[in-house]
Amino acid sequence: MPDHPHGPPGDTPEGDENDAESRSTVTGRRPRRPTGPRPLVPARALALALALVAGCTTGHEVPAASPLARAPTATTRPGTPSPSAPDLSLARQFDMGLPGADPVRCGDELALLTRGRPADRPMAWVSSGRDERQSGDAVTFALGGRSALCLYGFAQGRPITVTIAAGGRTYTTPVTSVAALSSGNPSKEELFNGSGLEVEDLGGGFLRSGHWTFLPPDPAREAVAAAGRLTLTASAGGTRATGGIPLRRTRGAETVEGWERGHRLAVFGFPAGARVPIGIYRLTRTEASARAVLVRKVGQVVMPRTGLAVLTIPQDVFRLVTEAPPQEEASYCLSVPGIDRCVT
């Protein structure tokens, strides 16, 4: 559906000079002109400039336009785009693949971290598993990636504390070793929300948590994206391990924790300055596949240097992509360029 731009009101009020001439007609006297130097900027132009500056926003969290209204789609920008900023295009349609299972294998990753040497000390790290599209000889984590905590060299049954410093704050998580992990939906803010985390014994000295979607809260989220690295410390009595894992800048988007309340969407991994559109797709499913077809663009972000932007989805858009449709109708979802999957 094409956009139809709207402009600002075209008429401006009459100025003070016209008012002065009207008064001179009534009194029969010509108004006295000021004898001092003329101002460099007329008052009306200065007021208009100040109003325009006051109306601009450069924050990282901005509203997106509704896909339902017939009004033009608004562009949401967390910063001022460079004239050379690339415009990315939404896919007209894509077939979604199935997500992979169990991407984190602590034993394989320890071999990468030690470069094949025997591990002679305790170690702790967060991983988002292997990425076939990039080099497989490094351990990395990714924003929005299905991630897990790995511990090596810690005695089973002893309480462990994991500490992360990011965004000027320190985040501490108590870790408990259990025989079997509890079921349930983990928070996207694991290791940053103060809640306890379970790990299970994998044998060979390894402890591993369940998987969660890695997306810390602010200000840690932006700090981690800017640093491009996550450093954590795990300690249990006299056993201590500190590890740093680089960020794998995978392109994508993910709903922020509390999506049901805040309707916020994080977009990440795109180069700084890139104009990244957000599209709403009509999703149809069959027994063999699921196909998403673009309906329209609902917003756009300009990526800051951190490579992470957040926008707020309007209520009507949120309702469309979250409410279950009747069985005979297709559902809707949001997506960004190049990921070939629904975010919502």
Protein backbone atom coordinates (compact mmCIF):
# COMPACT_ATOMS: atom_id res chain seq x y z
CA MET A 1 0.00 0.00 0.00
CA PRO A 2 1.70 3.29 -1.00
CA ASP A 3 2.37 6.05 1.50
CA HIS A 4 0.82 9.49 1.13
CA PRO A 5 2.99 12.20 2.80
CA HIS A 6 1.35 14.94 4.75
CA GLY A 7 2.90 18.39 5.17
CA PRO A 8 2.61 20.98 7.96
CA PRO A 9 -0.08 23.68 7.83
CA GLY A 10 0.74 26.13 5.08
CA ASP A 11 -0.57 29.47 6.49
CA THR A 12 1.24 31.50 9.14
CA PRO A 13 -0.24 34.36 11.24
CA GLU A 14 0.09 37.97 10.20
CA GLY A 15 3.20 39.67 11.61
CA ASP A 16 3.55 42.59 14.06
CA GLU A 17 4.43 45.02 11.24
CA ASN A 18 0.98 44.61 9.65
CA ASP A 19 -0.64 45.18 13.03
CA ALA A 20 1.36 48.39 13.43
CA GLU A 21 0.19 49.69 10.02
CA SER A 22 -3.42 48.97 10.99
CA ARG A 23 -3.04 51.05 14.15
CA SER A 24 -1.50 53.93 12.17
CA THR A 25 -4.59 53.98 9.92
CA VAL A 26 -6.82 54.44 12.97
CA THR A 27 -4.68 57.16 14.65
CA GLY A 28 -3.55 58.91 11.47
CA ARG A 29 0.07 58.69 12.61
CA ARG A 30 2.90 56.71 11.03
CA PRO A 31 4.56 54.32 13.48
CA ARG A 32 8.05 55.31 14.58
CA ARG A 33 10.71 52.97 13.19
CA PRO A 34 13.40 51.81 15.61
CA THR A 35 16.65 53.75 15.32
CA GLY A 36 18.95 50.98 16.61
CA PRO A 37 20.66 48.31 14.48
CA ARG A 38 18.36 45.70 12.87
CA PRO A 39 18.55 42.21 14.47
CA LEU A 40 20.51 39.65 12.53
CA VAL A 41 17.64 37.07 12.76
CA PRO A 42 13.95 38.15 12.66
CA ALA A 43 12.08 37.19 15.82
CA ARG A 44 9.62 34.98 13.97
CA ALA A 45 12.39 33.02 12.21
CA LEU A 46 14.28 32.56 15.48
CA ALA A 47 11.13 31.32 17.25
CA LEU A 48 10.42 28.88 14.42
CA ALA A 49 14.00 27.54 14.51
CA LEU A 50 13.81 27.03 18.28
CA ALA A 51 10.50 25.21 17.92
CA LEU A 52 11.94 22.89 15.29
CA VAL A 53 14.99 22.10 17.46
CA ALA A 54 12.76 21.44 20.49
CA GLY A 55 10.63 19.06 18.43
CA CYS A 56 13.55 16.85 17.29
CA THR A 57 14.39 13.66 19.18
CA THR A 58 17.59 11.65 19.14
CA GLY A 59 16.79 8.94 21.69
CA HIS A 60 17.17 5.24 21.05
CA GLU A 61 13.53 4.42 21.76
CA VAL A 62 10.92 5.93 19.47
CA PRO A 63 7.38 5.09 18.37
CA ALA A 64 6.58 3.32 15.12
CA ALA A 65 3.66 3.99 12.83
CA SER A 66 0.49 1.91 12.62
CA PRO A 67 0.10 -0.54 9.71
CA LEU A 68 -3.68 -0.35 10.00
CA ALA A 69 -4.27 3.35 9.48
CA ARG A 70 -4.31 4.76 5.96
CA ALA A 71 -2.10 7.64 7.04
CA PRO A 72 1.54 7.54 5.81
CA THR A 73 4.03 5.34 7.62
CA ALA A 74 6.22 7.38 9.96
CA THR A 75 9.96 6.88 10.00
CA THR A 76 11.38 6.13 13.44
CA ARG A 77 14.97 7.23 13.87
CA PRO A 78 17.20 6.81 16.94
CA GLY A 79 19.71 9.19 15.39
CA THR A 80 20.36 11.45 12.43
CA PRO A 81 21.17 9.40 9.32
CA SER A 82 24.33 10.05 7.39
CA PRO A 83 23.77 11.10 3.76
CA SER A 84 25.64 7.91 2.79
CA ALA A 85 23.66 5.64 5.15
CA PRO A 86 22.53 2.56 3.21
CA ASP A 87 18.82 1.86 2.86
CA LEU A 88 18.02 -1.80 3.45
CA SER A 89 15.05 -3.47 1.78
CA LEU A 90 12.46 -5.76 3.27
CA ALA A 91 11.95 -9.16 1.67
CA ARG A 92 8.69 -9.41 -0.27
CA GLN A 93 8.27 -12.90 1.13
CA PHE A 94 10.27 -15.66 2.79
CA ASP A 95 9.89 -19.25 3.90
CA MET A 96 10.77 -19.76 7.53
CA GLY A 97 13.12 -22.56 8.55
CA LEU A 98 12.91 -24.46 11.79
CA PRO A 99 15.16 -23.26 14.68
CA GLY A 100 18.13 -25.41 15.59
CA ALA A 101 18.22 -27.44 18.81
CA ASP A 102 20.83 -27.43 21.59
CA PRO A 103 23.31 -24.99 20.00
CA VAL A 104 25.68 -24.83 23.01
CA ARG A 105 28.10 -27.71 23.61
CA CYS A 106 30.34 -26.79 26.52
CA GLY A 107 32.90 -29.56 25.92
CA ASP A 108 33.54 -28.58 22.31
CA GLU A 109 33.80 -24.94 23.25
CA LEU A 110 36.30 -25.57 26.05
CA ALA A 111 38.59 -27.12 23.44
CA LEU A 112 38.30 -23.94 21.39
CA LEU A 113 38.93 -21.71 24.39
CA THR A 114 42.05 -23.64 25.43
CA ARG A 115 43.19 -24.15 21.81
CA GLY A 116 43.46 -27.90 22.36
CA ARG A 117 45.60 -27.66 25.50
CA PRO A 118 44.48 -29.39 28.70
CA ALA A 119 42.28 -27.14 30.83
CA ASP A 120 44.31 -26.53 33.97
CA ARG A 121 42.03 -23.98 35.64
CA PRO A 122 38.29 -23.33 36.19
CA MET A 123 36.51 -21.47 33.41
CA ALA A 124 33.16 -19.69 32.90
CA TRP A 125 31.56 -18.30 29.75
CA VAL A 126 28.28 -17.50 27.98
CA SER A 127 27.83 -18.86 24.48
CA SER A 128 25.25 -18.63 21.71
CA GLY A 129 26.52 -21.76 19.98
CA ARG A 130 28.08 -22.20 16.59
CA ASP A 131 27.18 -20.01 13.63
CA GLU A 132 27.58 -21.84 10.32
CA ARG A 133 27.56 -18.54 8.41
CA GLN A 134 30.73 -17.38 10.19
CA SER A 135 33.99 -18.91 11.30
CA GLY A 136 33.44 -21.91 13.55
CA ASP A 137 36.78 -21.66 15.36
CA ALA A 138 35.70 -19.19 18.06
CA VAL A 139 33.30 -19.08 20.99
CA THR A 140 30.91 -16.12 20.76
CA PHE A 141 27.57 -14.88 22.05
CA ALA A 142 24.92 -12.96 20.12
CA LEU A 143 22.20 -10.48 21.00
CA GLY A 144 18.92 -12.29 20.47
CA GLY A 145 20.78 -15.60 20.30
CA ARG A 146 19.73 -18.79 22.07
CA SER A 147 22.43 -18.86 24.76
CA ALA A 148 23.61 -20.79 27.81
CA LEU A 149 26.09 -20.44 30.69
CA CYS A 150 28.94 -22.98 30.80
CA LEU A 151 31.06 -23.64 33.88
CA TYR A 152 34.10 -25.90 34.11
CA GLY A 153 36.05 -27.02 37.15
CA PHE A 154 33.42 -26.19 39.79
CA ALA A 155 32.38 -28.82 42.31
CA GLN A 156 28.80 -30.02 41.90
CA GLY A 157 26.45 -29.06 44.73
CA ARG A 158 28.34 -25.98 45.89
CA PRO A 159 26.67 -22.56 45.48
CA ILE A 160 28.23 -20.43 42.75
CA THR A 161 27.99 -16.67 42.21
CA VAL A 162 28.26 -15.11 38.73
CA THR A 163 29.02 -11.38 38.46
CA ILE A 164 28.87 -9.16 35.36
CA ALA A 165 29.77 -5.45 35.14
CA ALA A 166 28.07 -3.49 32.32
CA GLY A 167 26.61 -0.03 31.84
CA GLY A 168 28.10 1.29 35.09
CA ARG A 169 26.32 -1.37 37.16
CA THR A 170 27.20 -4.74 38.63
CA TYR A 171 24.85 -7.69 38.15
CA THR A 172 25.08 -10.66 40.51
CA THR A 173 23.35 -14.01 39.98
CA PRO A 174 23.29 -16.96 42.41
CA VAL A 175 23.81 -20.24 40.54
CA THR A 176 22.62 -23.57 41.92
CA SER A 177 23.67 -27.01 40.72
CA VAL A 178 20.69 -29.36 40.28
CA ALA A 179 20.17 -32.92 39.08
CA ALA A 180 17.65 -31.82 36.43
CA LEU A 181 16.76 -28.35 35.18
CA SER A 182 13.31 -27.01 35.98
CA SER A 183 10.90 -26.53 33.12
CA GLY A 184 9.46 -23.13 32.25
CA ASN A 185 10.09 -20.11 30.07
CA PRO A 186 13.37 -18.41 31.04
CA SER A 187 13.70 -14.64 31.10
CA LYS A 188 15.61 -12.87 28.32
CA GLU A 189 17.37 -10.96 31.09
CA GLU A 190 19.02 -13.97 32.75
CA LEU A 191 22.26 -13.04 34.58
CA PHE A 192 21.02 -9.42 34.71
CA ASN A 193 17.75 -9.63 36.66
CA GLY A 194 19.05 -10.88 40.01
CA SER A 195 17.11 -14.15 39.78
CA GLY A 196 18.78 -17.46 40.50
CA LEU A 197 20.01 -19.67 37.68
CA GLU A 198 20.13 -23.46 37.64
CA VAL A 199 22.94 -25.52 36.12
CA GLU A 200 23.09 -29.28 35.60
CA ASP A 201 26.01 -31.67 35.65
CA LEU A 202 27.04 -32.76 32.13
CA GLY A 203 29.90 -34.93 33.36
CA GLY A 204 33.61 -34.36 32.81
CA GLY A 205 33.60 -31.34 35.15
CA PHE A 206 31.06 -29.35 33.12
CA LEU A 207 27.99 -27.54 34.44
CA ARG A 208 25.54 -25.92 32.01
CA SER A 209 22.41 -23.83 32.39
CA GLY A 210 19.27 -24.08 30.32
CA HIS A 211 18.99 -21.97 27.18
CA TRP A 212 17.53 -18.47 27.03
CA THR A 213 17.34 -15.66 24.48
CA PHE A 214 20.21 -13.32 25.34
CA LEU A 215 18.92 -9.73 25.57
CA PRO A 216 19.95 -7.83 28.74
CA PRO A 217 17.97 -4.88 30.10
CA ASP A 218 19.10 -1.29 29.75
CA PRO A 219 21.67 0.12 30.44
CA ALA A 220 23.49 -3.23 30.21
CA ARG A 221 22.04 -4.01 26.77
CA GLU A 222 23.52 -0.94 25.12
CA ALA A 223 26.78 -1.21 27.07
CA VAL A 224 27.32 -4.80 25.98
CA ALA A 225 26.51 -3.89 22.36
CA ALA A 226 28.95 -0.96 22.45
CA ALA A 227 31.75 -2.96 24.11
CA GLY A 228 31.33 -5.94 21.78
CA ARG A 229 32.32 -8.23 24.63
CA LEU A 230 30.87 -9.87 27.73
CA THR A 231 33.15 -10.43 30.73
CA LEU A 232 31.91 -12.42 33.72
CA THR A 233 33.34 -13.84 36.94
CA ALA A 234 32.16 -17.04 38.62
CA SER A 235 33.22 -17.89 42.17
CA ALA A 236 32.50 -20.64 44.67
CA GLY A 237 34.52 -20.57 47.87
CA GLY A 238 38.16 -20.63 46.81
CA THR A 239 37.35 -21.49 43.19
CA ARG A 240 37.22 -18.51 40.85
CA ALA A 241 37.09 -18.07 37.08
CA THR A 242 36.95 -14.96 34.88
CA GLY A 243 36.17 -15.13 31.19
CA GLY A 244 35.57 -12.73 28.32
CA ILE A 245 33.58 -13.71 25.23
CA PRO A 246 33.31 -11.54 22.07
CA LEU A 247 29.96 -10.47 20.65
CA ARG A 248 28.94 -12.01 17.33
CA ARG A 249 27.15 -9.20 15.52
CA THR A 250 24.38 -11.24 13.94
CA ARG A 251 21.68 -9.18 12.23
CA GLY A 252 18.24 -9.52 13.69
CA ALA A 253 15.51 -8.24 15.96
CA GLU A 254 13.92 -9.48 19.16
CA THR A 255 11.11 -8.45 21.45
CA VAL A 256 12.33 -6.87 24.69
CA GLU A 257 11.45 -8.50 28.03
CA GLY A 258 8.03 -7.22 29.07
CA TRP A 259 6.86 -7.13 25.44
CA GLU A 260 3.25 -7.52 26.58
CA ARG A 261 3.47 -4.28 28.56
CA GLY A 262 6.02 -2.11 26.75
CA HIS A 263 5.59 -3.33 23.12
CA ARG A 264 9.32 -2.73 22.52
CA LEU A 265 11.40 -4.28 19.76
CA ALA A 266 15.23 -4.37 19.72
CA VAL A 267 16.99 -4.23 16.33
CA PHE A 268 20.69 -5.11 16.24
CA GLY A 269 23.70 -6.24 14.23
CA PHE A 270 23.29 -3.84 11.29
CA PRO A 271 26.10 -1.39 10.42
CA ALA A 272 26.07 2.04 12.00
CA GLY A 273 24.07 4.54 9.95
CA ALA A 274 22.03 1.89 8.12
CA ARG A 275 18.32 2.64 7.71
CA VAL A 276 16.64 -0.56 8.85
CA PRO A 277 12.92 -0.92 8.05
CA ILE A 278 10.50 -3.00 10.12
CA GLY A 279 7.80 -4.79 8.13
CA ILE A 280 4.54 -6.46 8.99
CA TYR A 281 4.03 -9.81 7.24
CA ARG A 282 0.99 -11.98 6.62
CA LEU A 283 1.85 -15.52 7.69
CA THR A 284 0.28 -18.60 6.15
CA ARG A 285 1.09 -22.12 7.32
CA THR A 286 0.83 -25.53 5.75
CA GLU A 287 1.83 -28.95 7.02
CA ALA A 288 5.17 -28.60 5.24
CA SER A 289 6.11 -24.93 5.59
CA ALA A 290 5.25 -21.44 6.73
CA ARG A 291 5.43 -18.49 4.34
CA ALA A 292 5.50 -14.81 5.28
CA VAL A 293 4.38 -12.22 2.70
CA LEU A 294 5.07 -8.51 3.19
CA VAL A 295 2.02 -6.32 3.85
CA ARG A 296 3.79 -2.99 4.38
CA LYS A 297 6.55 -1.20 6.23
CA VAL A 298 5.50 -0.03 9.68
CA GLY A 299 8.62 1.86 10.77
CA GLN A 300 12.34 2.39 10.40
CA VAL A 301 15.35 2.85 12.67
CA VAL A 302 18.73 4.35 11.89
CA MET A 303 21.42 2.27 13.56
CA PRO A 304 23.66 4.12 16.03
CA ARG A 305 27.34 3.28 16.53
CA THR A 306 26.48 0.65 19.14
CA GLY A 307 24.63 -1.36 16.51
CA LEU A 308 21.53 -1.56 18.71
CA ALA A 309 18.26 0.39 18.47
CA VAL A 310 14.91 -0.02 20.24
CA LEU A 311 11.51 1.16 19.03
CA THR A 312 8.05 0.97 20.55
CA ILE A 313 5.30 -0.72 18.54
CA PRO A 314 1.87 1.02 18.65
CA GLN A 315 -1.00 -0.74 20.39
CA ASP A 316 -2.91 -1.57 17.20
CA VAL A 317 0.18 -3.14 15.61
CA PHE A 318 0.87 -5.08 18.79
CA ARG A 319 -2.69 -6.36 18.86
CA LEU A 320 -2.51 -7.49 15.24
CA VAL A 321 0.69 -9.53 15.67
CA THR A 322 -0.19 -11.07 19.06
CA GLU A 323 -3.87 -11.92 18.93
CA ALA A 324 -4.72 -15.42 17.74
CA PRO A 325 -6.78 -15.17 14.51
CA PRO A 326 -9.74 -17.40 13.63
CA GLN A 327 -8.68 -20.73 12.16
CA GLU A 328 -9.61 -19.75 8.62
CA GLU A 329 -7.53 -16.56 8.68
CA ALA A 330 -3.77 -15.96 8.44
CA SER A 331 -1.78 -14.47 11.30
CA TYR A 332 0.65 -11.53 11.21
CA CYS A 333 4.19 -10.96 12.44
CA LEU A 334 7.02 -8.41 12.34
CA SER A 335 10.42 -8.88 10.72
CA VAL A 336 13.51 -6.99 9.50
CA PRO A 337 15.70 -7.43 6.39
CA GLY A 338 17.82 -10.49 5.91
CA ILE A 339 16.78 -12.78 8.77
CA ASP A 340 14.04 -14.85 7.07
CA ARG A 341 12.04 -15.41 10.22
CA CYS A 342 9.27 -13.75 12.19
CA VAL A 343 10.35 -11.76 15.22
CA THR A 344 6.94 -11.83 16.89
